[in-house]
Amino acid sequence: MKFYIEIITPMGMFKGEVLDGSEEEYETIKNSVKNVFKDDFFEADLQDGSYITLNNVIIQQSIFRVIKH
């Protein structure tokens, strides 16, 4: 199964690297995204090969989606 995280921020939309994992790994990612709003920052590799770091101010204004690909 393939899946990725999509992050919608006030500065634009970002698509995380596509991961190839099991249903259990997909559920783990979903559960970890639930806690992202408690963290000081979020970092991810993106589909276009770039890397992003978001601070807590941006995280609080963002939507995180876990999408099956």
Protein backbone atom coordinates (compact mmCIF):
# COMPACT_ATOMS: atom_id res chain seq x y z
CA MET A 1 0.00 0.00 0.00
CA LYS A 2 1.27 3.49 -0.83
CA PHE A 3 0.39 6.62 1.13
CA TYR A 4 1.63 10.14 1.88
CA ILE A 5 0.93 13.16 4.06
CA GLU A 6 -0.54 16.29 2.50
CA ILE A 7 -0.06 19.51 4.46
CA ILE A 8 -2.19 22.56 3.70
CA THR A 9 -0.72 25.74 5.22
CA PRO A 10 -1.35 29.47 4.80
CA MET A 11 1.75 29.45 2.53
CA GLY A 12 0.57 26.65 0.26
CA MET A 13 0.09 22.91 -0.01
CA PHE A 14 2.90 20.40 0.44
CA LYS A 15 2.84 16.69 -0.43
CA GLY A 16 5.06 14.37 1.56
CA GLU A 17 7.16 11.64 0.06
CA VAL A 18 5.11 8.62 -1.05
CA LEU A 19 5.70 5.75 1.36
CA ASP A 20 5.20 2.08 0.57
CA GLY A 21 4.08 0.28 3.72
CA SER A 22 1.65 -2.03 5.41
CA GLU A 23 -1.81 -1.24 6.74
CA GLU A 24 -0.24 -1.16 10.22
CA GLU A 25 2.33 1.45 9.13
CA TYR A 26 -0.45 3.50 7.54
CA GLU A 27 -2.37 3.44 10.83
CA THR A 28 0.82 4.43 12.71
CA ILE A 29 1.26 7.47 10.46
CA LYS A 30 -2.40 8.43 10.96
CA ASN A 31 -1.97 8.25 14.73
CA SER A 32 1.26 10.25 14.70
CA VAL A 33 -0.39 13.04 12.68
CA LYS A 34 -2.98 13.39 15.45
CA ASN A 35 -0.17 14.51 17.78
CA VAL A 36 1.59 16.91 15.40
CA PHE A 37 -0.22 19.92 16.88
CA LYS A 38 1.48 19.28 20.25
CA ASP A 39 4.99 19.40 18.74
CA ASP A 40 7.28 22.43 18.38
CA PHE A 41 8.01 21.65 14.74
CA PHE A 42 7.23 19.21 11.91
CA GLU A 43 9.64 18.07 9.23
CA ALA A 44 9.19 15.99 6.10
CA ASP A 45 10.72 14.98 2.79
CA LEU A 46 8.46 16.07 -0.06
CA GLN A 47 7.47 14.38 -3.33
CA ASP A 48 9.48 16.88 -5.39
CA GLY A 49 12.67 15.90 -3.55
CA SER A 50 12.74 18.95 -1.29
CA TYR A 51 12.56 19.05 2.51
CA ILE A 52 10.29 21.15 4.74
CA THR A 53 10.34 22.20 8.38
CA LEU A 54 7.30 23.93 9.86
CA ASN A 55 7.30 25.66 13.23
CA ASN A 56 4.47 25.43 15.75
CA VAL A 57 2.86 28.72 14.64
CA ILE A 58 2.41 27.37 11.10
CA ILE A 59 1.42 23.91 12.35
CA GLN A 60 -1.44 25.43 14.34
CA GLN A 61 -2.80 27.02 11.14
CA SER A 62 -2.44 23.91 8.97
CA ILE A 63 -4.42 20.86 7.93
CA PHE A 64 -2.67 17.49 7.76
CA ARG A 65 -4.13 14.69 5.63
CA VAL A 66 -2.89 11.12 5.27
CA ILE A 67 -3.79 9.94 1.77
CA LYS A 68 -3.69 6.44 0.29
CA HIS A 69 -2.02 6.67 -3.09
